[in-house]
Amino acid sequence: MGKNLVIVGGGAGGPSTAAEAKRRDPSLNVTILERGDFVSFAA
């Protein structure tokens, strides 16, 4: 069972943090929680 990372907030910081975490540990399970309808993907 791998490690889990939960990120609260889908603004610019959330997805960029998720991408950096996956680069450092590809086996990491990342979940992003966002209250709105859209998650930023520009980062």
C-alpha atoms as a PDB file:
ATOM      1  CA  MET A   1       0.000   0.000   0.000  1.00  0.00           C
ATOM      2  CA  GLY A   2       1.464   3.349  -1.089  1.00  0.00           C
ATOM      3  CA  LYS A   3       1.421   6.699   0.610  1.00  0.00           C
ATOM      4  CA  ASN A   4      -1.524   9.060   0.187  1.00  0.00           C
ATOM      5  CA  LEU A   5      -1.485  12.835  -0.223  1.00  0.00           C
ATOM      6  CA  VAL A   6      -4.673  14.901   0.014  1.00  0.00           C
ATOM      7  CA  ILE A   7      -4.524  18.472  -1.283  1.00  0.00           C
ATOM      8  CA  VAL A   8      -7.326  20.847  -0.334  1.00  0.00           C
ATOM      9  CA  GLY A   9      -7.867  23.504  -2.990  1.00  0.00           C
ATOM     10  CA  GLY A  10      -7.764  23.311  -6.748  1.00  0.00           C
ATOM     11  CA  GLY A  11      -6.413  26.777  -7.483  1.00  0.00           C
ATOM     12  CA  ALA A  12      -2.993  27.242  -9.065  1.00  0.00           C
ATOM     13  CA  GLY A  13      -1.155  25.939  -5.997  1.00  0.00           C
ATOM     14  CA  GLY A  14      -2.989  22.614  -5.664  1.00  0.00           C
ATOM     15  CA  PRO A  15      -2.225  21.024  -9.044  1.00  0.00           C
ATOM     16  CA  SER A  16       1.349  22.330  -9.100  1.00  0.00           C
ATOM     17  CA  THR A  17       1.934  20.832  -5.652  1.00  0.00           C
ATOM     18  CA  ALA A  18       0.435  17.543  -6.819  1.00  0.00           C
ATOM     19  CA  ALA A  19       2.680  17.493  -9.888  1.00  0.00           C
ATOM     20  CA  GLU A  20       5.801  18.178  -7.810  1.00  0.00           C
ATOM     21  CA  ALA A  21       4.847  15.480  -5.306  1.00  0.00           C
ATOM     22  CA  LYS A  22       4.357  12.930  -8.129  1.00  0.00           C
ATOM     23  CA  ARG A  23       7.733  13.869  -9.642  1.00  0.00           C
ATOM     24  CA  ARG A  24       9.409  13.218  -6.299  1.00  0.00           C
ATOM     25  CA  ASP A  25       7.497   9.974  -5.602  1.00  0.00           C
ATOM     26  CA  PRO A  26       5.721   8.425  -8.626  1.00  0.00           C
ATOM     27  CA  SER A  27       4.042   5.766  -6.455  1.00  0.00           C
ATOM     28  CA  LEU A  28       2.244   8.436  -4.398  1.00  0.00           C
ATOM     29  CA  ASN A  29      -1.570   8.479  -4.484  1.00  0.00           C
ATOM     30  CA  VAL A  30      -2.668  12.117  -4.863  1.00  0.00           C
ATOM     31  CA  THR A  31      -6.218  13.385  -4.315  1.00  0.00           C
ATOM     32  CA  ILE A  32      -7.193  17.011  -4.889  1.00  0.00           C
ATOM     33  CA  LEU A  33     -10.353  18.297  -3.214  1.00  0.00           C
ATOM     34  CA  GLU A  34     -12.028  21.330  -4.769  1.00  0.00           C
ATOM     35  CA  ARG A  35     -15.388  22.801  -3.771  1.00  0.00           C
ATOM     36  CA  GLY A  36     -16.033  24.497  -7.119  1.00  0.00           C
ATOM     37  CA  ASP A  37     -16.740  22.996 -10.518  1.00  0.00           C
ATOM     38  CA  PHE A  38     -13.266  23.505 -12.014  1.00  0.00           C
ATOM     39  CA  VAL A  39      -9.690  22.652 -11.056  1.00  0.00           C
ATOM     40  CA  SER A  40      -6.840  24.788 -12.398  1.00  0.00           C
ATOM     41  CA  PHE A  41      -4.666  22.937 -14.899  1.00  0.00           C
ATOM     42  CA  ALA A  42      -2.604  25.873 -16.159  1.00  0.00           C
ATOM     43  CA  ALA A  43       0.286  25.059 -13.823  1.00  0.00           C
END
